[in-house]
Amino acid sequence: ADDAKYFDLNEIKTLDLAFDHERIIHD
């Protein structure tokens, strides 16, 4: 990891996440 941080749910919606992690977070 180059960085590690907490993102609020609104910020996460704007990110282009790796793999299928958007689906995993949604679940």
mmCIF file of all heavy atoms, coordinates in Angstrom:
data_MODEL
# 
_entry.id   MODEL 
# 
loop_
_atom_site.group_PDB 
_atom_site.id 
_atom_site.type_symbol 
_atom_site.label_atom_id 
_atom_site.label_alt_id 
_atom_site.label_comp_id 
_atom_site.label_asym_id 
_atom_site.label_entity_id 
_atom_site.label_seq_id 
_atom_site.pdbx_PDB_ins_code 
_atom_site.Cartn_x 
_atom_site.Cartn_y 
_atom_site.Cartn_z 
_atom_site.occupancy 
_atom_site.B_iso_or_equiv 
_atom_site.pdbx_formal_charge 
_atom_site.auth_seq_id 
_atom_site.auth_comp_id 
_atom_site.auth_asym_id 
_atom_site.auth_atom_id 
_atom_site.pdbx_PDB_model_num 
ATOM 1   N N   . ALA A 1 1  ? 0.824   -1.206  0.000   1.00 0.00 ? 1  ALA A N   1 
ATOM 2   C CA  . ALA A 1 1  ? 0.000   0.000   0.000   1.00 0.00 ? 1  ALA A CA  1 
ATOM 3   C C   . ALA A 1 1  ? 0.860   1.259   0.000   1.00 0.00 ? 1  ALA A C   1 
ATOM 4   O O   . ALA A 1 1  ? 1.808   1.378   0.765   1.00 0.00 ? 1  ALA A O   1 
ATOM 5   C CB  . ALA A 1 1  ? -0.913  0.004   1.221   1.00 0.00 ? 1  ALA A CB  1 
ATOM 6   N N   . ASP A 1 2  ? 0.505   2.207   -0.883  1.00 0.00 ? 2  ASP A N   1 
ATOM 7   C CA  . ASP A 1 2  ? 1.154   3.520   -0.910  1.00 0.00 ? 2  ASP A CA  1 
ATOM 8   C C   . ASP A 1 2  ? 0.540   4.469   0.109   1.00 0.00 ? 2  ASP A C   1 
ATOM 9   O O   . ASP A 1 2  ? 1.160   5.438   0.517   1.00 0.00 ? 2  ASP A O   1 
ATOM 10  C CB  . ASP A 1 2  ? 1.029   4.147   -2.298  1.00 0.00 ? 2  ASP A CB  1 
ATOM 11  C CG  . ASP A 1 2  ? 2.228   3.848   -3.175  1.00 0.00 ? 2  ASP A CG  1 
ATOM 12  O OD1 . ASP A 1 2  ? 3.304   3.526   -2.646  1.00 0.00 ? 2  ASP A OD1 1 
ATOM 13  O OD2 . ASP A 1 2  ? 2.087   3.948   -4.409  1.00 0.00 ? 2  ASP A OD2 1 
ATOM 14  N N   . ASP A 1 3  ? -0.719  4.204   0.487   1.00 0.00 ? 3  ASP A N   1 
ATOM 15  C CA  . ASP A 1 3  ? -1.424  5.059   1.427   1.00 0.00 ? 3  ASP A CA  1 
ATOM 16  C C   . ASP A 1 3  ? -2.537  4.231   2.046   1.00 0.00 ? 3  ASP A C   1 
ATOM 17  O O   . ASP A 1 3  ? -2.969  3.221   1.472   1.00 0.00 ? 3  ASP A O   1 
ATOM 18  C CB  . ASP A 1 3  ? -2.008  6.277   0.696   1.00 0.00 ? 3  ASP A CB  1 
ATOM 19  C CG  . ASP A 1 3  ? -2.398  7.422   1.629   1.00 0.00 ? 3  ASP A CG  1 
ATOM 20  O OD1 . ASP A 1 3  ? -2.192  7.297   2.855   1.00 0.00 ? 3  ASP A OD1 1 
ATOM 21  O OD2 . ASP A 1 3  ? -2.910  8.439   1.131   1.00 0.00 ? 3  ASP A OD2 1 
ATOM 22  N N   . ALA A 1 4  ? -2.988  4.639   3.202   1.00 0.00 ? 4  ALA A N   1 
ATOM 23  C CA  . ALA A 1 4  ? -4.119  4.010   3.873   1.00 0.00 ? 4  ALA A CA  1 
ATOM 24  C C   . ALA A 1 4  ? -4.875  5.093   4.597   1.00 0.00 ? 4  ALA A C   1 
ATOM 25  O O   . ALA A 1 4  ? -4.275  5.896   5.325   1.00 0.00 ? 4  ALA A O   1 
ATOM 26  C CB  . ALA A 1 4  ? -3.641  2.940   4.853   1.00 0.00 ? 4  ALA A CB  1 
ATOM 27  N N   . LYS A 1 5  ? -6.185  5.156   4.368   1.00 0.00 ? 5  LYS A N   1 
ATOM 28  C CA  . LYS A 1 5  ? -6.980  6.173   5.060   1.00 0.00 ? 5  LYS A CA  1 
ATOM 29  C C   . LYS A 1 5  ? -8.444  5.792   5.047   1.00 0.00 ? 5  LYS A C   1 
ATOM 30  O O   . LYS A 1 5  ? -8.875  4.948   4.252   1.00 0.00 ? 5  LYS A O   1 
ATOM 31  C CB  . LYS A 1 5  ? -6.763  7.558   4.478   1.00 0.00 ? 5  LYS A CB  1 
ATOM 32  C CG  . LYS A 1 5  ? -7.243  7.772   3.067   1.00 0.00 ? 5  LYS A CG  1 
ATOM 33  C CD  . LYS A 1 5  ? -6.853  9.159   2.582   1.00 0.00 ? 5  LYS A CD  1 
ATOM 34  C CE  . LYS A 1 5  ? -8.046  9.925   2.099   1.00 0.00 ? 5  LYS A CE  1 
ATOM 35  N NZ  . LYS A 1 5  ? -7.745  11.262  1.623   1.00 0.00 ? 5  LYS A NZ  1 
ATOM 36  N N   . TYR A 1 6  ? -9.173  6.439   5.936   1.00 0.00 ? 6  TYR A N   1 
ATOM 37  C CA  . TYR A 1 6  ? -10.610 6.239   6.016   1.00 0.00 ? 6  TYR A CA  1 
ATOM 38  C C   . TYR A 1 6  ? -11.305 7.223   5.080   1.00 0.00 ? 6  TYR A C   1 
ATOM 39  O O   . TYR A 1 6  ? -10.929 8.394   5.017   1.00 0.00 ? 6  TYR A O   1 
ATOM 40  C CB  . TYR A 1 6  ? -11.111 6.464   7.444   1.00 0.00 ? 6  TYR A CB  1 
ATOM 41  C CG  . TYR A 1 6  ? -10.774 5.337   8.383   1.00 0.00 ? 6  TYR A CG  1 
ATOM 42  C CD1 . TYR A 1 6  ? -9.600  5.361   9.135   1.00 0.00 ? 6  TYR A CD1 1 
ATOM 43  C CD2 . TYR A 1 6  ? -11.622 4.246   8.518   1.00 0.00 ? 6  TYR A CD2 1 
ATOM 44  C CE1 . TYR A 1 6  ? -9.292  4.324   10.011  1.00 0.00 ? 6  TYR A CE1 1 
ATOM 45  C CE2 . TYR A 1 6  ? -11.318 3.206   9.384   1.00 0.00 ? 6  TYR A CE2 1 
ATOM 46  C CZ  . TYR A 1 6  ? -10.153 3.254   10.123  1.00 0.00 ? 6  TYR A CZ  1 
ATOM 47  O OH  . TYR A 1 6  ? -9.846  2.232   10.977  1.00 0.00 ? 6  TYR A OH  1 
ATOM 48  N N   . PHE A 1 7  ? -12.311 6.727   4.373   1.00 0.00 ? 7  PHE A N   1 
ATOM 49  C CA  . PHE A 1 7  ? -13.128 7.559   3.494   1.00 0.00 ? 7  PHE A CA  1 
ATOM 50  C C   . PHE A 1 7  ? -14.571 7.488   3.966   1.00 0.00 ? 7  PHE A C   1 
ATOM 51  O O   . PHE A 1 7  ? -15.082 6.394   4.258   1.00 0.00 ? 7  PHE A O   1 
ATOM 52  C CB  . PHE A 1 7  ? -13.091 7.032   2.052   1.00 0.00 ? 7  PHE A CB  1 
ATOM 53  C CG  . PHE A 1 7  ? -11.791 7.273   1.348   1.00 0.00 ? 7  PHE A CG  1 
ATOM 54  C CD1 . PHE A 1 7  ? -10.765 6.337   1.436   1.00 0.00 ? 7  PHE A CD1 1 
ATOM 55  C CD2 . PHE A 1 7  ? -11.597 8.414   0.587   1.00 0.00 ? 7  PHE A CD2 1 
ATOM 56  C CE1 . PHE A 1 7  ? -9.564  6.539   0.776   1.00 0.00 ? 7  PHE A CE1 1 
ATOM 57  C CE2 . PHE A 1 7  ? -10.394 8.623   -0.076  1.00 0.00 ? 7  PHE A CE2 1 
ATOM 58  C CZ  . PHE A 1 7  ? -9.385  7.685   0.022   1.00 0.00 ? 7  PHE A CZ  1 
ATOM 59  N N   . ASP A 1 8  ? -15.250 8.646   4.019   1.00 0.00 ? 8  ASP A N   1 
ATOM 60  C CA  . ASP A 1 8  ? -16.672 8.583   4.346   1.00 0.00 ? 8  ASP A CA  1 
ATOM 61  C C   . ASP A 1 8  ? -17.428 8.053   3.122   1.00 0.00 ? 8  ASP A C   1 
ATOM 62  O O   . ASP A 1 8  ? -16.889 8.000   2.015   1.00 0.00 ? 8  ASP A O   1 
ATOM 63  C CB  . ASP A 1 8  ? -17.209 9.918   4.867   1.00 0.00 ? 8  ASP A CB  1 
ATOM 64  C CG  . ASP A 1 8  ? -17.347 11.003  3.818   1.00 0.00 ? 8  ASP A CG  1 
ATOM 65  O OD1 . ASP A 1 8  ? -17.731 10.718  2.673   1.00 0.00 ? 8  ASP A OD1 1 
ATOM 66  O OD2 . ASP A 1 8  ? -17.092 12.171  4.171   1.00 0.00 ? 8  ASP A OD2 1 
ATOM 67  N N   . LEU A 1 9  ? -18.647 7.656   3.349   1.00 0.00 ? 9  LEU A N   1 
ATOM 68  C CA  . LEU A 1 9  ? -19.410 6.966   2.305   1.00 0.00 ? 9  LEU A CA  1 
ATOM 69  C C   . LEU A 1 9  ? -19.627 7.829   1.066   1.00 0.00 ? 9  LEU A C   1 
ATOM 70  O O   . LEU A 1 9  ? -19.632 7.311   -0.052  1.00 0.00 ? 9  LEU A O   1 
ATOM 71  C CB  . LEU A 1 9  ? -20.745 6.482   2.871   1.00 0.00 ? 9  LEU A CB  1 
ATOM 72  C CG  . LEU A 1 9  ? -20.621 5.510   4.045   1.00 0.00 ? 9  LEU A CG  1 
ATOM 73  C CD1 . LEU A 1 9  ? -21.986 5.106   4.561   1.00 0.00 ? 9  LEU A CD1 1 
ATOM 74  C CD2 . LEU A 1 9  ? -19.795 4.300   3.669   1.00 0.00 ? 9  LEU A CD2 1 
ATOM 75  N N   . ASN A 1 10 ? -19.772 9.133   1.241   1.00 0.00 ? 10 ASN A N   1 
ATOM 76  C CA  . ASN A 1 10 ? -19.940 10.011  0.081   1.00 0.00 ? 10 ASN A CA  1 
ATOM 77  C C   . ASN A 1 10 ? -18.656 10.082  -0.745  1.00 0.00 ? 10 ASN A C   1 
ATOM 78  O O   . ASN A 1 10 ? -18.707 10.128  -1.975  1.00 0.00 ? 10 ASN A O   1 
ATOM 79  C CB  . ASN A 1 10 ? -20.373 11.411  0.507   1.00 0.00 ? 10 ASN A CB  1 
ATOM 80  C CG  . ASN A 1 10 ? -21.805 11.423  1.002   1.00 0.00 ? 10 ASN A CG  1 
ATOM 81  O OD1 . ASN A 1 10 ? -22.642 10.673  0.509   1.00 0.00 ? 10 ASN A OD1 1 
ATOM 82  N ND2 . ASN A 1 10 ? -22.078 12.238  1.995   1.00 0.00 ? 10 ASN A ND2 1 
ATOM 83  N N   . GLU A 1 11 ? -17.504 10.111  -0.084  1.00 0.00 ? 11 GLU A N   1 
ATOM 84  C CA  . GLU A 1 11 ? -16.220 10.124  -0.797  1.00 0.00 ? 11 GLU A CA  1 
ATOM 85  C C   . GLU A 1 11 ? -16.030 8.828   -1.585  1.00 0.00 ? 11 GLU A C   1 
ATOM 86  O O   . GLU A 1 11 ? -15.538 8.854   -2.713  1.00 0.00 ? 11 GLU A O   1 
ATOM 87  C CB  . GLU A 1 11 ? -15.057 10.269  0.184   1.00 0.00 ? 11 GLU A CB  1 
ATOM 88  C CG  . GLU A 1 11 ? -14.870 11.636  0.787   1.00 0.00 ? 11 GLU A CG  1 
ATOM 89  C CD  . GLU A 1 11 ? -13.726 11.624  1.783   1.00 0.00 ? 11 GLU A CD  1 
ATOM 90  O OE1 . GLU A 1 11 ? -13.835 10.934  2.816   1.00 0.00 ? 11 GLU A OE1 1 
ATOM 91  O OE2 . GLU A 1 11 ? -12.717 12.313  1.501   1.00 0.00 ? 11 GLU A OE2 1 
ATOM 92  N N   . ILE A 1 12 ? -16.395 7.719   -0.981  1.00 0.00 ? 12 ILE A N   1 
ATOM 93  C CA  . ILE A 1 12 ? -16.197 6.411   -1.632  1.00 0.00 ? 12 ILE A CA  1 
ATOM 94  C C   . ILE A 1 12 ? -16.960 6.344   -2.946  1.00 0.00 ? 12 ILE A C   1 
ATOM 95  O O   . ILE A 1 12 ? -16.471 5.776   -3.923  1.00 0.00 ? 12 ILE A O   1 
ATOM 96  C CB  . ILE A 1 12 ? -16.589 5.263   -0.679  1.00 0.00 ? 12 ILE A CB  1 
ATOM 97  C CG1 . ILE A 1 12 ? -15.519 5.134   0.395   1.00 0.00 ? 12 ILE A CG1 1 
ATOM 98  C CG2 . ILE A 1 12 ? -16.754 3.945   -1.432  1.00 0.00 ? 12 ILE A CG2 1 
ATOM 99  C CD1 . ILE A 1 12 ? -15.807 4.120   1.464   1.00 0.00 ? 12 ILE A CD1 1 
ATOM 100 N N   . LYS A 1 13 ? -18.136 6.956   -2.980  1.00 0.00 ? 13 LYS A N   1 
ATOM 101 C CA  . LYS A 1 13 ? -18.947 6.933   -4.207  1.00 0.00 ? 13 LYS A CA  1 
ATOM 102 C C   . LYS A 1 13 ? -18.241 7.616   -5.381  1.00 0.00 ? 13 LYS A C   1 
ATOM 103 O O   . LYS A 1 13 ? -18.555 7.352   -6.530  1.00 0.00 ? 13 LYS A O   1 
ATOM 104 C CB  . LYS A 1 13 ? -20.302 7.599   -3.957  1.00 0.00 ? 13 LYS A CB  1 
ATOM 105 C CG  . LYS A 1 13 ? -21.191 6.808   -3.033  1.00 0.00 ? 13 LYS A CG  1 
ATOM 106 C CD  . LYS A 1 13 ? -22.468 7.566   -2.714  1.00 0.00 ? 13 LYS A CD  1 
ATOM 107 C CE  . LYS A 1 13 ? -23.269 6.826   -1.666  1.00 0.00 ? 13 LYS A CE  1 
ATOM 108 N NZ  . LYS A 1 13 ? -24.424 7.585   -1.203  1.00 0.00 ? 13 LYS A NZ  1 
ATOM 109 N N   . THR A 1 14 ? -17.289 8.493   -5.090  1.00 0.00 ? 14 THR A N   1 
ATOM 110 C CA  . THR A 1 14 ? -16.583 9.227   -6.155  1.00 0.00 ? 14 THR A CA  1 
ATOM 111 C C   . THR A 1 14 ? -15.300 8.524   -6.595  1.00 0.00 ? 14 THR A C   1 
ATOM 112 O O   . THR A 1 14 ? -14.673 8.955   -7.562  1.00 0.00 ? 14 THR A O   1 
ATOM 113 C CB  . THR A 1 14 ? -16.216 10.656  -5.692  1.00 0.00 ? 14 THR A CB  1 
ATOM 114 O OG1 . THR A 1 14 ? -15.228 10.577  -4.661  1.00 0.00 ? 14 THR A OG1 1 
ATOM 115 C CG2 . THR A 1 14 ? -17.444 11.407  -5.184  1.00 0.00 ? 14 THR A CG2 1 
ATOM 116 N N   . LEU A 1 15 ? -14.895 7.477   -5.881  1.00 0.00 ? 15 LEU A N   1 
ATOM 117 C CA  . LEU A 1 15 ? -13.637 6.792   -6.184  1.00 0.00 ? 15 LEU A CA  1 
ATOM 118 C C   . LEU A 1 15 ? -13.829 5.696   -7.221  1.00 0.00 ? 15 LEU A C   1 
ATOM 119 O O   . LEU A 1 15 ? -14.873 5.050   -7.265  1.00 0.00 ? 15 LEU A O   1 
ATOM 120 C CB  . LEU A 1 15 ? -13.059 6.162   -4.908  1.00 0.00 ? 15 LEU A CB  1 
ATOM 121 C CG  . LEU A 1 15 ? -12.703 7.102   -3.769  1.00 0.00 ? 15 LEU A CG  1 
ATOM 122 C CD1 . LEU A 1 15 ? -12.275 6.296   -2.549  1.00 0.00 ? 15 LEU A CD1 1 
ATOM 123 C CD2 . LEU A 1 15 ? -11.610 8.070   -4.180  1.00 0.00 ? 15 LEU A CD2 1 
ATOM 124 N N   . ASP A 1 16 ? -12.794 5.482   -8.014  1.00 0.00 ? 16 ASP A N   1 
ATOM 125 C CA  . ASP A 1 16 ? -12.766 4.344   -8.932  1.00 0.00 ? 16 ASP A CA  1 
ATOM 126 C C   . ASP A 1 16 ? -12.010 3.231   -8.206  1.00 0.00 ? 16 ASP A C   1 
ATOM 127 O O   . ASP A 1 16 ? -10.783 3.245   -8.138  1.00 0.00 ? 16 ASP A O   1 
ATOM 128 C CB  . ASP A 1 16 ? -12.051 4.744   -10.227 1.00 0.00 ? 16 ASP A CB  1 
ATOM 129 C CG  . ASP A 1 16 ? -12.097 3.648   -11.266 1.00 0.00 ? 16 ASP A CG  1 
ATOM 130 O OD1 . ASP A 1 16 ? -12.980 2.783   -11.176 1.00 0.00 ? 16 ASP A OD1 1 
ATOM 131 O OD2 . ASP A 1 16 ? -11.236 3.654   -12.160 1.00 0.00 ? 16 ASP A OD2 1 
ATOM 132 N N   . LEU A 1 17 ? -12.757 2.306   -7.631  1.00 0.00 ? 17 LEU A N   1 
ATOM 133 C CA  . LEU A 1 17 ? -12.159 1.276   -6.792  1.00 0.00 ? 17 LEU A CA  1 
ATOM 134 C C   . LEU A 1 17 ? -11.623 0.108   -7.613  1.00 0.00 ? 17 LEU A C   1 
ATOM 135 O O   . LEU A 1 17 ? -12.131 -0.196  -8.684  1.00 0.00 ? 17 LEU A O   1 
ATOM 136 C CB  . LEU A 1 17 ? -13.187 0.760   -5.786  1.00 0.00 ? 17 LEU A CB  1 
ATOM 137 C CG  . LEU A 1 17 ? -13.739 1.803   -4.822  1.00 0.00 ? 17 LEU A CG  1 
ATOM 138 C CD1 . LEU A 1 17 ? -14.828 1.194   -3.951  1.00 0.00 ? 17 LEU A CD1 1 
ATOM 139 C CD2 . LEU A 1 17 ? -12.639 2.385   -3.956  1.00 0.00 ? 17 LEU A CD2 1 
ATOM 140 N N   . ALA A 1 18 ? -10.604 -0.554  -7.069  1.00 0.00 ? 18 ALA A N   1 
ATOM 141 C CA  . ALA A 1 18 ? -9.989  -1.711  -7.726  1.00 0.00 ? 18 ALA A CA  1 
ATOM 142 C C   . ALA A 1 18 ? -10.906 -2.941  -7.622  1.00 0.00 ? 18 ALA A C   1 
ATOM 143 O O   . ALA A 1 18 ? -11.770 -3.019  -6.741  1.00 0.00 ? 18 ALA A O   1 
ATOM 144 C CB  . ALA A 1 18 ? -8.642  -2.011  -7.070  1.00 0.00 ? 18 ALA A CB  1 
ATOM 145 N N   . PHE A 1 19 ? -10.646 -3.876  -8.509  1.00 0.00 ? 19 PHE A N   1 
ATOM 146 C CA  . PHE A 1 19 ? -11.327 -5.174  -8.513  1.00 0.00 ? 19 PHE A CA  1 
ATOM 147 C C   . PHE A 1 19 ? -12.845 -4.977  -8.463  1.00 0.00 ? 19 PHE A C   1 
ATOM 148 O O   . PHE A 1 19 ? -13.360 -4.090  -9.141  1.00 0.00 ? 19 PHE A O   1 
ATOM 149 C CB  . PHE A 1 19 ? -10.819 -6.061  -7.361  1.00 0.00 ? 19 PHE A CB  1 
ATOM 150 C CG  . PHE A 1 19 ? -9.321  -6.210  -7.333  1.00 0.00 ? 19 PHE A CG  1 
ATOM 151 C CD1 . PHE A 1 19 ? -8.546  -5.498  -6.434  1.00 0.00 ? 19 PHE A CD1 1 
ATOM 152 C CD2 . PHE A 1 19 ? -8.681  -7.053  -8.234  1.00 0.00 ? 19 PHE A CD2 1 
ATOM 153 C CE1 . PHE A 1 19 ? -7.157  -5.632  -6.412  1.00 0.00 ? 19 PHE A CE1 1 
ATOM 154 C CE2 . PHE A 1 19 ? -7.290  -7.190  -8.221  1.00 0.00 ? 19 PHE A CE2 1 
ATOM 155 C CZ  . PHE A 1 19 ? -6.536  -6.478  -7.312  1.00 0.00 ? 19 PHE A CZ  1 
ATOM 156 N N   . ASP A 1 20 ? -13.537 -5.779  -7.663  1.00 0.00 ? 20 ASP A N   1 
ATOM 157 C CA  . ASP A 1 20 ? -14.987 -5.651  -7.493  1.00 0.00 ? 20 ASP A CA  1 
ATOM 158 C C   . ASP A 1 20 ? -15.311 -5.070  -6.123  1.00 0.00 ? 20 ASP A C   1 
ATOM 159 O O   . ASP A 1 20 ? -16.336 -5.359  -5.522  1.00 0.00 ? 20 ASP A O   1 
ATOM 160 C CB  . ASP A 1 20 ? -15.670 -7.010  -7.676  1.00 0.00 ? 20 ASP A CB  1 
ATOM 161 C CG  . ASP A 1 20 ? -15.054 -8.102  -6.803  1.00 0.00 ? 20 ASP A CG  1 
ATOM 162 O OD1 . ASP A 1 20 ? -14.087 -7.817  -6.063  1.00 0.00 ? 20 ASP A OD1 1 
ATOM 163 O OD2 . ASP A 1 20 ? -15.539 -9.247  -6.873  1.00 0.00 ? 20 ASP A OD2 1 
ATOM 164 N N   . HIS A 1 21 ? -14.411 -4.204  -5.633  1.00 0.00 ? 21 HIS A N   1 
ATOM 165 C CA  . HIS A 1 21 ? -14.555 -3.704  -4.274  1.00 0.00 ? 21 HIS A CA  1 
ATOM 166 C C   . HIS A 1 21 ? -15.742 -2.764  -4.097  1.00 0.00 ? 21 HIS A C   1 
ATOM 167 O O   . HIS A 1 21 ? -16.271 -2.660  -2.984  1.00 0.00 ? 21 HIS A O   1 
ATOM 168 C CB  . HIS A 1 21 ? -13.254 -3.073  -3.801  1.00 0.00 ? 21 HIS A CB  1 
ATOM 169 C CG  . HIS A 1 21 ? -12.187 -4.110  -3.598  1.00 0.00 ? 21 HIS A CG  1 
ATOM 170 N ND1 . HIS A 1 21 ? -10.944 -3.808  -3.106  1.00 0.00 ? 21 HIS A ND1 1 
ATOM 171 C CD2 . HIS A 1 21 ? -12.174 -5.457  -3.824  1.00 0.00 ? 21 HIS A CD2 1 
ATOM 172 C CE1 . HIS A 1 21 ? -10.215 -4.914  -3.030  1.00 0.00 ? 21 HIS A CE1 1 
ATOM 173 N NE2 . HIS A 1 21 ? -10.951 -5.922  -3.476  1.00 0.00 ? 21 HIS A NE2 1 
ATOM 174 N N   . GLU A 1 22 ? -16.207 -2.136  -5.160  1.00 0.00 ? 22 GLU A N   1 
ATOM 175 C CA  . GLU A 1 22 ? -17.437 -1.333  -5.049  1.00 0.00 ? 22 GLU A CA  1 
ATOM 176 C C   . GLU A 1 22 ? -18.614 -2.239  -4.676  1.00 0.00 ? 22 GLU A C   1 
ATOM 177 O O   . GLU A 1 22 ? -19.409 -1.911  -3.796  1.00 0.00 ? 22 GLU A O   1 
ATOM 178 C CB  . GLU A 1 22 ? -17.715 -0.603  -6.361  1.00 0.00 ? 22 GLU A CB  1 
ATOM 179 C CG  . GLU A 1 22 ? -18.934 0.296   -6.301  1.00 0.00 ? 22 GLU A CG  1 
ATOM 180 C CD  . GLU A 1 22 ? -19.158 1.067   -7.595  1.00 0.00 ? 22 GLU A CD  1 
ATOM 181 O OE1 . GLU A 1 22 ? -18.229 1.202   -8.409  1.00 0.00 ? 22 GLU A OE1 1 
ATOM 182 O OE2 . GLU A 1 22 ? -20.297 1.542   -7.777  1.00 0.00 ? 22 GLU A OE2 1 
ATOM 183 N N   . ARG A 1 23 ? -18.712 -3.374  -5.331  1.00 0.00 ? 23 ARG A N   1 
ATOM 184 C CA  . ARG A 1 23 ? -19.782 -4.335  -5.038  1.00 0.00 ? 23 ARG A CA  1 
ATOM 185 C C   . ARG A 1 23 ? -19.654 -4.867  -3.608  1.00 0.00 ? 23 ARG A C   1 
ATOM 186 O O   . ARG A 1 23 ? -20.639 -4.999  -2.888  1.00 0.00 ? 23 ARG A O   1 
ATOM 187 C CB  . ARG A 1 23 ? -19.744 -5.498  -6.033  1.00 0.00 ? 23 ARG A CB  1 
ATOM 188 C CG  . ARG A 1 23 ? -20.768 -6.561  -5.737  1.00 0.00 ? 23 ARG A CG  1 
ATOM 189 C CD  . ARG A 1 23 ? -20.703 -7.710  -6.715  1.00 0.00 ? 23 ARG A CD  1 
ATOM 190 N NE  . ARG A 1 23 ? -21.595 -8.760  -6.247  1.00 0.00 ? 23 ARG A NE  1 
ATOM 191 C CZ  . ARG A 1 23 ? -21.396 -10.036 -6.461  1.00 0.00 ? 23 ARG A CZ  1 
ATOM 192 N NH1 . ARG A 1 23 ? -20.369 -10.449 -7.170  1.00 0.00 ? 23 ARG A NH1 1 
ATOM 193 N NH2 . ARG A 1 23 ? -22.244 -10.930 -6.005  1.00 0.00 ? 23 ARG A NH2 1 
ATOM 194 N N   . ILE A 1 24 ? -18.430 -5.191  -3.196  1.00 0.00 ? 24 ILE A N   1 
ATOM 195 C CA  . ILE A 1 24 ? -18.209 -5.726  -1.848  1.00 0.00 ? 24 ILE A CA  1 
ATOM 196 C C   . ILE A 1 24 ? -18.608 -4.687  -0.798  1.00 0.00 ? 24 ILE A C   1 
ATOM 197 O O   . ILE A 1 24 ? -19.275 -5.023  0.189   1.00 0.00 ? 24 ILE A O   1 
ATOM 198 C CB  . ILE A 1 24 ? -16.742 -6.169  -1.669  1.00 0.00 ? 24 ILE A CB  1 
ATOM 199 C CG1 . ILE A 1 24 ? -16.447 -7.381  -2.563  1.00 0.00 ? 24 ILE A CG1 1 
ATOM 200 C CG2 . ILE A 1 24 ? -16.449 -6.485  -0.203  1.00 0.00 ? 24 ILE A CG2 1 
ATOM 201 C CD1 . ILE A 1 24 ? -14.978 -7.786  -2.610  1.00 0.00 ? 24 ILE A CD1 1 
ATOM 202 N N   . ILE A 1 25 ? -18.231 -3.431  -1.009  1.00 0.00 ? 25 ILE A N   1 
ATOM 203 C CA  . ILE A 1 25 ? -18.614 -2.374  -0.063  1.00 0.00 ? 25 ILE A CA  1 
ATOM 204 C C   . ILE A 1 25 ? -20.133 -2.220  -0.035  1.00 0.00 ? 25 ILE A C   1 
ATOM 205 O O   . ILE A 1 25 ? -20.733 -2.092  1.038   1.00 0.00 ? 25 ILE A O   1 
ATOM 206 C CB  . ILE A 1 25 ? -17.898 -1.049  -0.403  1.00 0.00 ? 25 ILE A CB  1 
ATOM 207 C CG1 . ILE A 1 25 ? -16.407 -1.183  -0.075  1.00 0.00 ? 25 ILE A CG1 1 
ATOM 208 C CG2 . ILE A 1 25 ? -18.534 0.129   0.346   1.00 0.00 ? 25 ILE A CG2 1 
ATOM 209 C CD1 . ILE A 1 25 ? -15.547 -0.038  -0.564  1.00 0.00 ? 25 ILE A CD1 1 
ATOM 210 N N   . HIS A 1 26 ? -20.761 -2.250  -1.194  1.00 0.00 ? 26 HIS A N   1 
ATOM 211 C CA  . HIS A 1 26 ? -22.227 -2.165  -1.268  1.00 0.00 ? 26 HIS A CA  1 
ATOM 212 C C   . HIS A 1 26 ? -22.864 -3.295  -0.451  1.00 0.00 ? 26 HIS A C   1 
ATOM 213 O O   . HIS A 1 26 ? -23.788 -3.058  0.333   1.00 0.00 ? 26 HIS A O   1 
ATOM 214 C CB  . HIS A 1 26 ? -22.676 -2.211  -2.735  1.00 0.00 ? 26 HIS A CB  1 
ATOM 215 C CG  . HIS A 1 26 ? -24.154 -2.245  -2.909  1.00 0.00 ? 26 HIS A CG  1 
ATOM 216 N ND1 . HIS A 1 26 ? -24.942 -1.126  -2.755  1.00 0.00 ? 26 HIS A ND1 1 
ATOM 217 C CD2 . HIS A 1 26 ? -24.992 -3.270  -3.205  1.00 0.00 ? 26 HIS A CD2 1 
ATOM 218 C CE1 . HIS A 1 26 ? -26.207 -1.459  -2.950  1.00 0.00 ? 26 HIS A CE1 1 
ATOM 219 N NE2 . HIS A 1 26 ? -26.263 -2.760  -3.222  1.00 0.00 ? 26 HIS A NE2 1 
ATOM 220 N N   . ASP A 1 27 ? -22.370 -4.517  -0.629  1.00 0.00 ? 27 ASP A N   1 
ATOM 221 C CA  . ASP A 1 27 ? -22.900 -5.662  0.116   1.00 0.00 ? 27 ASP A CA  1 
ATOM 222 C C   . ASP A 1 27 ? -22.664 -5.489  1.618   1.00 0.00 ? 27 ASP A C   1 
ATOM 223 O O   . ASP A 1 27 ? -23.519 -5.846  2.436   1.00 0.00 ? 27 ASP A O   1 
ATOM 224 C CB  . ASP A 1 27 ? -22.257 -6.965  -0.360  1.00 0.00 ? 27 ASP A CB  1 
ATOM 225 C CG  . ASP A 1 27 ? -22.672 -7.341  -1.782  1.00 0.00 ? 27 ASP A CG  1 
ATOM 226 O OD1 . ASP A 1 27 ? -23.600 -6.714  -2.346  1.00 0.00 ? 27 ASP A OD1 1 
ATOM 227 O OD2 . ASP A 1 27 ? -22.046 -8.272  -2.334  1.00 0.00 ? 27 ASP A OD2 1 
# 
